[in-house]
N, C-alpha and C. Protein backbone atom coordinates (compact mmCIF):
# COMPACT_ATOMS: atom_id res chain seq x y z
N ARG A 1 -0.14 0.47 -11.44
CA ARG A 1 0.08 1.28 -10.17
C ARG A 1 1.45 1.29 -10.09
N SER A 2 1.76 2.54 -9.69
CA SER A 2 3.27 2.95 -9.49
C SER A 2 3.56 2.70 -7.93
N PRO A 3 4.74 1.96 -7.56
CA PRO A 3 4.98 1.49 -6.23
C PRO A 3 5.27 3.11 -5.34
N TYR A 4 5.61 4.03 -6.00
CA TYR A 4 5.80 5.24 -5.23
C TYR A 4 4.66 6.36 -5.80
N THR A 5 4.16 7.17 -4.82
CA THR A 5 3.52 8.39 -5.47
C THR A 5 4.23 9.69 -4.51
N PHE A 6 3.89 10.74 -5.60
CA PHE A 6 4.57 12.18 -4.94
C PHE A 6 3.13 12.90 -4.97
N THR A 7 3.00 13.69 -3.80
CA THR A 7 1.78 14.30 -3.89
C THR A 7 2.12 15.86 -3.42
N VAL A 8 1.86 16.98 -4.14
CA VAL A 8 2.13 18.33 -3.82
C VAL A 8 0.99 18.67 -2.64
N ILE A 9 1.32 19.01 -1.67
CA ILE A 9 0.36 19.52 -0.58
C ILE A 9 -0.02 20.89 -0.72
N SER A 10 1.11 21.68 -0.51
CA SER A 10 1.05 23.04 -0.82
C SER A 10 2.38 23.53 -1.48
N GLU A 11 2.64 24.70 -1.69
CA GLU A 11 3.90 25.27 -2.48
C GLU A 11 5.38 24.66 -1.64
N ARG A 12 5.23 24.54 -0.35
CA ARG A 12 6.60 23.97 0.45
C ARG A 12 6.36 22.74 1.11
N SER A 13 5.10 21.99 0.92
CA SER A 13 4.86 20.86 1.44
C SER A 13 4.37 19.52 0.66
N PHE A 14 5.23 18.55 0.72
CA PHE A 14 4.96 17.59 -0.20
C PHE A 14 4.88 16.10 0.38
N ARG A 15 4.24 14.96 -0.06
CA ARG A 15 4.23 13.78 0.45
C ARG A 15 4.79 12.83 -0.32
N LEU A 16 5.66 12.06 0.06
CA LEU A 16 6.20 10.82 -0.81
C LEU A 16 5.69 9.68 -0.28
N GLY A 17 5.03 8.96 -0.85
CA GLY A 17 4.59 7.44 -0.37
C GLY A 17 5.11 6.44 -1.11
N ILE A 18 5.94 5.64 -0.39
CA ILE A 18 6.58 4.24 -0.97
C ILE A 18 5.79 3.15 -0.47
N SER A 19 5.20 2.51 -1.40
CA SER A 19 4.15 1.00 -1.17
C SER A 19 5.17 -0.09 -1.18
N HIS A 20 6.39 -0.07 -1.64
CA HIS A 20 7.32 -1.30 -1.50
C HIS A 20 8.83 -0.83 -1.30
N TYR A 21 9.16 -0.69 -0.13
CA TYR A 21 10.29 0.16 0.34
C TYR A 21 11.61 -0.62 -0.07
N SER A 22 12.75 0.26 -0.72
CA SER A 22 13.75 -0.39 -1.08
C SER A 22 14.75 0.69 -1.22
N ASP A 23 15.96 0.57 -1.07
CA ASP A 23 16.99 1.61 -1.41
C ASP A 23 16.80 2.21 -2.56
N ALA A 24 16.25 1.64 -3.62
CA ALA A 24 16.13 2.09 -4.98
C ALA A 24 15.32 3.14 -5.03
N TYR A 25 14.30 2.96 -4.40
CA TYR A 25 13.19 4.11 -4.28
C TYR A 25 13.48 5.35 -3.76
N THR A 26 14.20 5.08 -2.63
CA THR A 26 14.68 6.25 -1.69
C THR A 26 15.76 6.97 -2.45
N VAL A 27 16.55 6.18 -3.24
CA VAL A 27 17.65 6.85 -4.14
C VAL A 27 16.86 7.54 -5.29
N ARG A 28 15.74 7.16 -5.89
CA ARG A 28 15.04 7.71 -6.83
C ARG A 28 14.40 9.00 -6.52
N ALA A 29 13.92 9.03 -5.18
CA ALA A 29 13.30 10.37 -4.73
C ALA A 29 14.61 11.27 -4.68
N ASP A 30 15.84 10.94 -3.97
CA ASP A 30 16.92 11.63 -3.84
C ASP A 30 17.28 12.59 -5.04
N MET A 31 17.32 11.56 -6.13
CA MET A 31 17.52 12.00 -7.70
C MET A 31 16.67 13.18 -8.06
N LEU A 32 15.49 13.01 -7.60
CA LEU A 32 14.33 14.02 -8.25
C LEU A 32 14.14 15.21 -7.26
N ASN A 33 15.12 15.21 -6.13
CA ASN A 33 15.13 16.26 -5.28
C ASN A 33 13.74 16.57 -4.59
N TRP A 34 12.98 15.37 -4.51
CA TRP A 34 11.96 15.18 -3.40
C TRP A 34 12.44 15.75 -1.92
N LEU A 35 13.18 14.85 -1.60
CA LEU A 35 13.82 14.99 -0.30
C LEU A 35 15.22 14.35 -0.37
N ARG A 36 16.01 14.82 0.68
CA ARG A 36 17.48 14.25 0.68
C ARG A 36 17.48 13.12 1.49
N ILE A 37 17.59 11.99 1.00
CA ILE A 37 17.53 11.04 1.88
C ILE A 37 19.06 10.47 2.39
N TYR A 38 20.00 10.76 1.29
CA TYR A 38 21.17 10.44 1.77
C TYR A 38 22.29 11.90 1.91
N LYS A 39 22.64 11.93 3.19
CA LYS A 39 23.58 13.09 3.57
C LYS A 39 24.93 12.88 3.06
N ASP A 40 25.45 11.57 2.93
CA ASP A 40 26.70 11.27 2.33
C ASP A 40 26.87 11.88 1.00
N GLU A 41 27.63 13.00 0.73
CA GLU A 41 27.95 13.72 -0.29
C GLU A 41 28.65 12.69 -1.29
N ALA A 42 29.64 12.18 -0.65
CA ALA A 42 30.26 10.99 -1.64
C ALA A 42 29.61 9.75 -2.26
N TYR A 43 28.63 9.60 -1.37
CA TYR A 43 27.50 8.61 -2.09
C TYR A 43 26.82 9.24 -3.08
N SER A 44 26.13 10.25 -2.90
CA SER A 44 25.38 10.93 -4.13
C SER A 44 26.18 11.32 -5.23
N GLU A 45 27.57 11.69 -4.95
CA GLU A 45 28.48 11.79 -6.18
C GLU A 45 28.83 10.55 -6.85
N ALA A 46 28.90 9.67 -6.14
CA ALA A 46 29.39 8.22 -6.74
C ALA A 46 27.83 7.63 -7.43
N LEU A 47 26.81 7.91 -7.05
CA LEU A 47 25.54 7.70 -8.01
C LEU A 47 25.64 8.60 -9.07
N ARG A 48 25.71 9.89 -9.13
CA ARG A 48 25.91 10.48 -10.13
C ARG A 48 26.75 10.07 -11.27
N ARG A 49 28.05 9.76 -10.62
CA ARG A 49 28.94 9.36 -11.49
C ARG A 49 28.40 8.14 -12.48
N PHE A 50 28.03 7.16 -11.78
CA PHE A 50 27.73 5.86 -12.25
C PHE A 50 26.72 6.26 -13.13
N GLN A 51 25.61 7.21 -13.00
CA GLN A 51 24.40 7.36 -13.79
C GLN A 51 24.82 7.88 -14.93
N GLU A 52 25.80 8.93 -15.03
CA GLU A 52 26.42 9.48 -16.23
C GLU A 52 27.02 8.66 -17.06
N GLN A 53 27.84 7.68 -16.54
CA GLN A 53 28.84 6.97 -17.18
C GLN A 53 28.05 5.82 -17.96
N TYR A 54 27.46 5.04 -16.91
CA TYR A 54 26.78 3.75 -17.44
C TYR A 54 25.47 3.85 -17.72
N VAL A 55 24.31 4.47 -17.14
CA VAL A 55 23.09 4.35 -17.40
C VAL A 55 22.71 5.38 -18.45
N ALA A 56 22.96 6.57 -18.27
CA ALA A 56 22.49 7.54 -19.18
C ALA A 56 22.75 7.00 -20.73
N PRO A 57 23.81 6.60 -21.12
CA PRO A 57 23.93 5.99 -22.57
C PRO A 57 22.99 4.94 -22.85
N LEU A 58 22.39 4.18 -21.98
CA LEU A 58 21.11 3.36 -22.33
C LEU A 58 19.93 3.89 -22.83
N ASN A 59 19.99 5.37 -22.26
CA ASN A 59 18.68 6.06 -22.97
C ASN A 59 18.72 6.23 -24.54
N GLU A 60 19.86 5.99 -24.95
CA GLU A 60 19.94 6.09 -26.55
C GLU A 60 19.42 4.90 -27.26
N LEU A 61 19.28 3.92 -26.51
CA LEU A 61 18.61 2.61 -27.07
C LEU A 61 17.37 2.67 -27.65
N PRO A 62 16.72 1.83 -28.71
CA PRO A 62 15.64 2.28 -29.25
C PRO A 62 14.29 2.07 -28.65
N SER A 63 14.35 1.14 -27.65
CA SER A 63 13.09 0.80 -26.89
C SER A 63 13.32 0.53 -25.56
N ASP A 64 12.04 0.44 -24.80
CA ASP A 64 12.29 -0.04 -23.45
C ASP A 64 12.96 -1.51 -23.29
N TYR A 65 12.55 -2.57 -24.11
CA TYR A 65 12.89 -3.66 -24.02
C TYR A 65 14.58 -3.54 -24.34
N ASP A 66 14.99 -2.92 -25.05
CA ASP A 66 16.54 -2.79 -25.35
C ASP A 66 17.14 -2.25 -24.04
N CYS A 67 16.41 -1.23 -23.36
CA CYS A 67 17.06 -0.45 -22.29
C CYS A 67 17.02 -1.66 -20.96
N ILE A 68 15.98 -2.53 -20.87
CA ILE A 68 16.08 -3.55 -19.91
C ILE A 68 17.19 -4.65 -20.19
N VAL A 69 17.13 -5.05 -21.46
CA VAL A 69 18.40 -5.97 -21.75
C VAL A 69 19.71 -5.38 -21.39
N GLY A 70 19.91 -4.00 -21.86
CA GLY A 70 20.99 -3.26 -21.81
C GLY A 70 21.44 -3.17 -20.18
N ALA A 71 20.45 -2.79 -19.30
CA ALA A 71 20.65 -2.70 -17.92
C ALA A 71 21.08 -4.08 -17.40
N HIS A 72 20.37 -5.09 -17.77
CA HIS A 72 20.67 -6.21 -17.27
C HIS A 72 22.08 -6.87 -17.43
N ASP A 73 22.40 -6.67 -18.96
CA ASP A 73 23.73 -7.22 -19.29
C ASP A 73 25.01 -6.21 -18.84
N LEU A 74 24.51 -5.04 -18.65
CA LEU A 74 25.64 -4.19 -17.84
C LEU A 74 25.95 -4.58 -16.62
N LEU A 75 24.86 -4.55 -15.78
CA LEU A 75 25.13 -5.23 -14.18
C LEU A 75 25.79 -6.58 -14.28
N CYS A 76 25.38 -7.56 -15.17
CA CYS A 76 25.95 -8.75 -15.35
C CYS A 76 27.53 -8.67 -15.42
N SER A 77 27.80 -7.51 -16.44
CA SER A 77 29.21 -7.41 -16.64
C SER A 77 30.08 -6.64 -15.78
N LEU A 78 29.15 -5.93 -14.63
CA LEU A 78 29.98 -5.00 -13.79
C LEU A 78 30.10 -5.39 -12.30
N ALA A 79 28.88 -6.24 -11.92
CA ALA A 79 28.85 -6.90 -10.51
C ALA A 79 29.61 -8.26 -10.44
N SER A 80 29.76 -8.62 -9.18
CA SER A 80 30.25 -9.83 -8.97
C SER A 80 29.49 -10.40 -7.77
N TYR A 81 29.20 -11.69 -7.53
CA TYR A 81 28.46 -12.14 -6.25
C TYR A 81 29.49 -12.06 -5.19
N ASP A 82 28.96 -11.47 -3.86
CA ASP A 82 29.75 -11.54 -2.68
C ASP A 82 29.74 -12.79 -2.10
N TYR A 83 30.52 -13.91 -2.14
CA TYR A 83 30.37 -14.76 -1.68
C TYR A 83 30.77 -14.80 -0.11
N SER A 84 31.66 -13.80 0.13
CA SER A 84 32.10 -13.78 1.56
C SER A 84 30.69 -13.37 2.48
N GLU A 85 29.97 -12.31 2.04
CA GLU A 85 28.66 -11.91 2.52
C GLU A 85 27.74 -13.06 2.83
N TYR A 86 27.70 -13.99 1.71
CA TYR A 86 26.67 -15.05 1.88
C TYR A 86 27.21 -16.09 2.80
N GLU A 87 28.49 -16.24 2.74
CA GLU A 87 29.05 -17.54 3.75
C GLU A 87 29.10 -16.90 5.34
N THR A 88 29.46 -15.57 5.49
CA THR A 88 29.60 -15.07 6.76
C THR A 88 29.02 -14.12 7.45
N GLY A 89 28.15 -13.45 6.60
CA GLY A 89 27.44 -12.04 6.79
C GLY A 89 28.40 -10.97 7.17
N SER A 90 29.51 -10.99 6.86
CA SER A 90 30.42 -9.83 7.10
C SER A 90 30.21 -8.59 6.58
N ARG A 91 29.49 -8.45 5.47
CA ARG A 91 29.47 -7.24 4.71
C ARG A 91 27.87 -6.81 4.48
N LYS A 92 27.45 -6.33 5.22
CA LYS A 92 25.80 -5.85 5.02
C LYS A 92 25.65 -4.96 3.75
N GLN A 93 26.58 -4.24 3.34
CA GLN A 93 26.29 -3.28 2.33
C GLN A 93 26.16 -4.12 0.96
N ALA A 94 26.50 -5.50 0.97
CA ALA A 94 26.13 -6.12 -0.09
C ALA A 94 24.75 -6.56 -0.50
N HIS A 95 24.09 -6.04 0.32
CA HIS A 95 22.56 -6.33 0.22
C HIS A 95 21.92 -5.15 -0.40
N SER A 96 22.75 -3.88 -0.69
CA SER A 96 22.40 -2.59 -1.27
C SER A 96 22.91 -2.23 -2.37
N LEU A 97 22.33 -1.00 -2.71
CA LEU A 97 23.02 -0.27 -3.81
C LEU A 97 24.39 0.23 -3.39
N LEU A 98 24.34 0.79 -2.05
CA LEU A 98 25.53 1.17 -1.69
C LEU A 98 26.79 0.21 -2.03
N GLY A 99 26.40 -1.29 -1.67
CA GLY A 99 27.58 -2.35 -1.72
C GLY A 99 27.96 -2.29 -3.05
N PHE A 100 27.08 -2.03 -4.25
CA PHE A 100 27.52 -1.96 -5.52
C PHE A 100 28.37 -1.03 -5.87
N LEU A 101 28.07 0.04 -5.48
CA LEU A 101 28.82 1.52 -5.76
C LEU A 101 30.37 1.39 -5.08
N GLU A 102 30.35 0.53 -3.93
CA GLU A 102 31.65 0.50 -3.02
C GLU A 102 32.66 -0.39 -3.92
N ASN A 103 32.07 -1.48 -4.28
CA ASN A 103 33.10 -2.61 -4.87
C ASN A 103 32.57 -3.33 -5.85
N ARG A 104 31.38 -3.07 -6.16
CA ARG A 104 30.71 -4.01 -7.39
C ARG A 104 30.46 -5.35 -6.80
N ALA A 105 30.49 -5.65 -5.56
CA ALA A 105 30.31 -6.94 -5.07
C ALA A 105 28.98 -6.92 -4.08
N VAL A 106 27.88 -7.88 -4.61
CA VAL A 106 26.68 -7.83 -4.12
C VAL A 106 26.17 -9.08 -3.89
N VAL A 107 25.05 -9.34 -3.40
CA VAL A 107 24.22 -10.65 -3.11
C VAL A 107 22.87 -10.55 -3.79
N CYS A 108 22.00 -11.15 -3.88
CA CYS A 108 20.79 -11.36 -4.51
C CYS A 108 20.05 -9.87 -4.61
N ASP A 109 19.76 -9.47 -3.11
CA ASP A 109 18.84 -8.22 -3.19
C ASP A 109 19.77 -7.04 -3.60
N GLY A 110 20.95 -7.01 -3.54
CA GLY A 110 21.97 -5.93 -3.83
C GLY A 110 21.85 -5.84 -5.40
N TYR A 111 21.59 -7.14 -6.09
CA TYR A 111 21.48 -7.13 -7.62
C TYR A 111 20.11 -6.51 -7.72
N ALA A 112 19.32 -6.86 -7.17
CA ALA A 112 17.78 -6.44 -7.44
C ALA A 112 17.58 -4.94 -7.15
N LYS A 113 18.32 -4.43 -5.80
CA LYS A 113 18.31 -3.00 -5.86
C LYS A 113 18.78 -2.10 -6.78
N THR A 114 20.02 -2.71 -7.24
CA THR A 114 20.79 -2.07 -8.10
C THR A 114 20.17 -2.02 -9.54
N LEU A 115 19.60 -3.10 -10.23
CA LEU A 115 18.61 -3.00 -11.30
C LEU A 115 17.67 -2.12 -11.23
N GLN A 116 16.85 -2.25 -10.12
CA GLN A 116 15.69 -1.48 -10.11
C GLN A 116 16.06 0.34 -10.12
N TRP A 117 17.19 0.50 -9.36
CA TRP A 117 17.71 2.00 -9.61
C TRP A 117 17.84 2.28 -10.86
N MET A 118 18.46 1.24 -11.77
CA MET A 118 18.95 1.71 -13.06
C MET A 118 17.86 1.93 -13.93
N LEU A 119 16.71 1.06 -13.61
CA LEU A 119 15.68 1.10 -14.60
C LEU A 119 14.89 2.39 -14.31
N LEU A 120 14.89 2.47 -13.06
CA LEU A 120 13.95 3.79 -12.53
C LEU A 120 14.53 5.10 -13.34
N CYS A 121 16.09 5.00 -13.17
CA CYS A 121 16.84 6.30 -13.89
C CYS A 121 16.29 6.34 -15.57
N LEU A 122 15.87 4.97 -16.04
CA LEU A 122 15.56 4.84 -17.46
C LEU A 122 14.09 5.40 -17.67
N GLY A 123 13.37 5.33 -16.55
CA GLY A 123 12.00 5.65 -16.71
C GLY A 123 11.20 4.38 -16.63
N ILE A 124 11.70 3.30 -16.43
CA ILE A 124 11.01 1.98 -16.41
C ILE A 124 10.63 1.46 -15.06
N ASP A 125 9.38 1.20 -14.79
CA ASP A 125 8.96 0.81 -13.46
C ASP A 125 9.52 -0.54 -13.16
N SER A 126 9.92 -0.81 -11.90
CA SER A 126 10.40 -2.13 -11.37
C SER A 126 10.28 -1.94 -9.91
N TYR A 127 10.20 -3.29 -9.33
CA TYR A 127 10.35 -3.23 -8.01
C TYR A 127 10.95 -4.60 -7.45
N GLU A 128 11.45 -4.73 -6.40
CA GLU A 128 12.36 -5.84 -5.74
C GLU A 128 11.26 -6.89 -5.17
N VAL A 129 11.42 -8.05 -5.62
CA VAL A 129 10.51 -9.08 -5.11
C VAL A 129 11.38 -9.79 -4.21
N VAL A 130 10.78 -10.15 -2.87
CA VAL A 130 11.40 -10.95 -1.93
C VAL A 130 10.90 -12.25 -1.79
N GLY A 131 11.47 -13.45 -2.25
CA GLY A 131 10.90 -14.59 -2.20
C GLY A 131 11.88 -15.90 -1.68
N ASN A 132 11.85 -17.03 -2.32
CA ASN A 132 12.52 -17.88 -2.08
C ASN A 132 13.07 -18.51 -3.46
N ALA A 133 14.38 -19.23 -3.43
CA ALA A 133 14.72 -19.86 -4.52
C ALA A 133 15.70 -21.00 -3.87
N ASN A 134 15.75 -22.16 -4.37
CA ASN A 134 16.26 -23.54 -3.80
C ASN A 134 15.86 -23.44 -2.31
N GLU A 135 14.83 -22.98 -1.77
CA GLU A 135 14.44 -23.06 -0.57
C GLU A 135 15.25 -21.96 0.58
N GLU A 136 15.85 -21.04 -0.11
CA GLU A 136 16.49 -20.01 0.79
C GLU A 136 15.74 -18.66 0.20
N CYS A 137 15.94 -17.77 1.33
CA CYS A 137 15.55 -16.43 0.94
C CYS A 137 16.24 -15.71 -0.32
N HIS A 138 15.40 -15.16 -1.28
CA HIS A 138 16.27 -14.84 -2.41
C HIS A 138 15.35 -13.76 -2.93
N ALA A 139 16.04 -12.84 -3.63
CA ALA A 139 15.45 -11.44 -4.29
C ALA A 139 15.79 -11.38 -5.84
N TRP A 140 14.71 -11.11 -6.41
CA TRP A 140 14.96 -10.56 -7.85
C TRP A 140 13.89 -9.53 -8.13
N ASN A 141 13.54 -9.09 -9.49
CA ASN A 141 12.92 -7.90 -9.92
C ASN A 141 11.76 -8.36 -10.56
N LYS A 142 10.56 -7.66 -10.58
CA LYS A 142 9.52 -7.45 -11.46
C LYS A 142 9.77 -6.23 -12.22
N VAL A 143 9.73 -6.20 -13.70
CA VAL A 143 9.96 -5.05 -14.31
C VAL A 143 8.87 -5.04 -15.34
N LYS A 144 8.34 -3.90 -15.69
CA LYS A 144 7.01 -3.44 -16.32
C LYS A 144 7.71 -3.11 -17.91
N LEU A 145 6.93 -3.75 -18.68
CA LEU A 145 7.31 -3.56 -20.23
C LEU A 145 6.14 -3.56 -21.08
N ASP A 146 5.63 -2.70 -21.75
CA ASP A 146 4.51 -2.79 -22.53
C ASP A 146 3.15 -3.05 -21.74
N ASP A 147 3.21 -2.36 -20.47
CA ASP A 147 2.02 -2.46 -19.57
C ASP A 147 1.73 -3.88 -18.88
N LEU A 148 2.85 -4.60 -19.09
CA LEU A 148 2.79 -6.12 -18.66
C LEU A 148 3.94 -6.21 -17.59
N TRP A 149 3.93 -7.23 -16.50
CA TRP A 149 5.16 -7.53 -15.62
C TRP A 149 5.69 -8.44 -16.05
N TYR A 150 7.05 -8.66 -15.69
CA TYR A 150 7.97 -9.90 -16.01
C TYR A 150 9.02 -9.83 -15.03
N ASN A 151 9.31 -11.18 -14.86
CA ASN A 151 10.27 -11.50 -13.80
C ASN A 151 11.68 -11.21 -14.50
N VAL A 152 12.73 -10.81 -13.64
CA VAL A 152 14.18 -10.68 -14.19
C VAL A 152 15.03 -11.07 -12.77
N ASP A 153 15.73 -11.99 -13.09
CA ASP A 153 16.77 -12.36 -11.92
C ASP A 153 18.16 -12.30 -12.48
N VAL A 154 18.81 -11.11 -12.12
CA VAL A 154 20.09 -10.81 -12.49
C VAL A 154 21.09 -11.62 -11.80
N CYS A 155 20.93 -11.77 -10.57
CA CYS A 155 21.79 -12.56 -9.83
C CYS A 155 22.11 -14.02 -10.25
N TRP A 156 21.00 -14.64 -10.71
CA TRP A 156 21.23 -16.03 -11.25
C TRP A 156 21.56 -16.01 -12.58
N ASP A 157 21.43 -14.87 -13.50
CA ASP A 157 22.08 -14.71 -14.76
C ASP A 157 23.55 -14.38 -14.70
N ASP A 158 23.79 -13.84 -13.66
CA ASP A 158 25.37 -13.18 -13.63
C ASP A 158 26.29 -14.41 -13.20
N THR A 159 25.64 -15.37 -12.75
CA THR A 159 26.46 -16.55 -12.36
C THR A 159 27.08 -17.22 -13.56
N GLY A 160 26.22 -17.18 -14.56
CA GLY A 160 26.54 -17.78 -15.97
C GLY A 160 26.58 -16.97 -17.08
N PHE A 161 26.43 -15.45 -16.76
CA PHE A 161 26.23 -14.38 -17.71
C PHE A 161 25.46 -14.99 -18.74
N SER A 162 24.17 -15.18 -18.37
CA SER A 162 22.93 -15.60 -19.51
C SER A 162 22.00 -14.73 -19.37
N SER A 163 20.95 -14.87 -20.27
CA SER A 163 19.88 -14.11 -20.10
C SER A 163 18.54 -15.21 -19.80
N ARG A 164 18.95 -16.20 -19.21
CA ARG A 164 17.69 -17.37 -18.82
C ARG A 164 16.77 -16.79 -17.82
N SER A 165 17.07 -15.94 -17.10
CA SER A 165 16.07 -15.37 -16.18
C SER A 165 15.41 -13.96 -16.46
N LEU A 166 15.53 -13.69 -17.63
CA LEU A 166 15.29 -12.20 -18.36
C LEU A 166 13.92 -12.26 -18.87
N LEU A 167 12.97 -11.39 -18.19
CA LEU A 167 11.67 -11.21 -18.78
C LEU A 167 10.93 -12.47 -18.82
N ARG A 168 10.76 -13.21 -17.88
CA ARG A 168 10.21 -14.63 -17.69
C ARG A 168 8.90 -14.45 -16.92
N SER A 169 7.99 -15.49 -17.08
CA SER A 169 6.61 -15.48 -16.35
C SER A 169 6.85 -16.19 -15.11
N ASP A 170 5.90 -15.97 -14.32
CA ASP A 170 5.81 -16.39 -13.03
C ASP A 170 5.72 -17.85 -12.88
N ALA A 171 5.33 -18.68 -14.02
CA ALA A 171 5.17 -20.22 -14.01
C ALA A 171 6.63 -20.39 -14.27
N PHE A 172 7.37 -19.89 -15.37
CA PHE A 172 8.96 -20.24 -15.46
C PHE A 172 9.50 -20.19 -14.23
N PHE A 173 9.34 -19.12 -13.45
CA PHE A 173 10.41 -19.03 -12.40
C PHE A 173 9.98 -19.86 -11.34
N GLU A 174 8.66 -20.26 -11.08
CA GLU A 174 8.15 -21.40 -10.20
C GLU A 174 8.58 -22.65 -10.81
N ASP A 175 8.85 -23.02 -11.88
CA ASP A 175 9.28 -24.25 -12.48
C ASP A 175 10.87 -24.33 -12.48
N ASN A 176 11.51 -23.13 -11.94
CA ASN A 176 13.11 -23.03 -11.82
C ASN A 176 13.19 -22.63 -10.63
N SER A 177 12.96 -23.23 -9.50
CA SER A 177 13.26 -23.25 -7.96
C SER A 177 12.85 -21.77 -7.35
N HIS A 178 12.01 -20.88 -7.97
CA HIS A 178 11.93 -19.78 -7.36
C HIS A 178 10.20 -19.80 -6.73
N SER A 179 9.98 -19.03 -5.69
CA SER A 179 8.73 -19.18 -5.02
C SER A 179 8.46 -17.90 -4.60
N PHE A 180 7.17 -17.40 -4.84
CA PHE A 180 6.87 -15.93 -4.26
C PHE A 180 6.32 -16.19 -2.90
N THR A 181 6.68 -15.23 -1.93
CA THR A 181 6.14 -15.17 -0.65
C THR A 181 5.22 -13.89 -0.29
N ASP A 182 4.94 -13.15 -1.29
CA ASP A 182 4.35 -11.88 -1.13
C ASP A 182 2.87 -12.19 -1.69
N SER A 183 1.76 -11.31 -1.32
CA SER A 183 0.63 -11.61 -2.04
C SER A 183 0.42 -10.94 -3.42
N PHE A 184 1.12 -9.95 -3.63
CA PHE A 184 0.81 -9.06 -5.00
C PHE A 184 1.74 -9.24 -6.05
N SER A 185 2.82 -10.12 -5.84
CA SER A 185 3.60 -10.45 -7.06
C SER A 185 2.83 -11.34 -8.16
N LYS A 186 1.98 -12.15 -7.50
CA LYS A 186 1.24 -13.07 -8.52
C LYS A 186 -0.29 -12.44 -8.62
N SER A 187 -0.61 -11.38 -8.18
CA SER A 187 -1.81 -10.99 -8.48
C SER A 187 -1.75 -9.42 -9.19
N ALA A 188 -1.73 -8.45 -8.34
CA ALA A 188 -1.58 -6.82 -9.19
C ALA A 188 -0.29 -7.04 -10.10
N TYR A 189 0.64 -7.81 -9.90
CA TYR A 189 1.83 -7.76 -10.71
C TYR A 189 2.06 -9.03 -11.39
N ALA A 190 1.23 -9.72 -11.52
CA ALA A 190 1.26 -11.21 -12.22
C ALA A 190 2.19 -11.11 -13.68
N SER A 191 2.76 -12.11 -13.62
CA SER A 191 3.61 -12.05 -15.06
C SER A 191 2.92 -13.59 -15.68
N PRO A 192 1.65 -13.48 -16.51
CA PRO A 192 1.37 -14.67 -16.87
C PRO A 192 2.02 -14.99 -18.05
N SER A 193 2.82 -14.43 -18.83
CA SER A 193 3.73 -15.13 -19.88
C SER A 193 5.11 -14.55 -19.93
N GLY A 194 6.02 -14.99 -20.45
CA GLY A 194 7.27 -14.40 -20.74
C GLY A 194 7.15 -13.38 -22.01
N TYR A 195 8.34 -12.55 -22.01
CA TYR A 195 8.28 -11.35 -23.21
C TYR A 195 8.68 -11.90 -24.54
N LYS A 196 7.96 -11.68 -25.53
CA LYS A 196 8.22 -12.23 -26.91
C LYS A 196 8.91 -10.98 -27.56
N ALA A 197 10.07 -10.96 -27.90
CA ALA A 197 10.84 -9.74 -28.47
C ALA A 197 10.24 -9.85 -29.97
């Protein structure tokens, strides 16, 4: 099941349904001209430039697996963790794709929304998981590959620039300080095993 649906009602009437809200889905809708979510032309232009310069070349990779790894590694190399937002709550943009575009500094949900948007640009389904890690609110992604869902935590991987949290099972995440707080990430979108390349 796709987290978003687009239905043509008539020649000039459309319905967009988003089952799991995030900036990444509204940006995806904007990219496909379903509706104009963002009025800020500078933001739209920044999205377009980033997509052309960084995301589009990933389409040349030979498989969805390579695209996911490429997007993960690219985000690790370009983003940095916004400790000032974490400590003081002074920069709310760090929780969004906009915060990444402004100065490449984000917190966990900013990483998740940015990866989600990158993967959607590549035609790969993903959504943001909101849960806990080390008993604090945390966000990461579920990513669909070969008709199965896997967990990806770019935020945690970026701190050590590794792939430890790339395409892992629910059990691996739970054994490594993550916990799920929604009802569907371990049911409809369960990750029973890690990906074997």
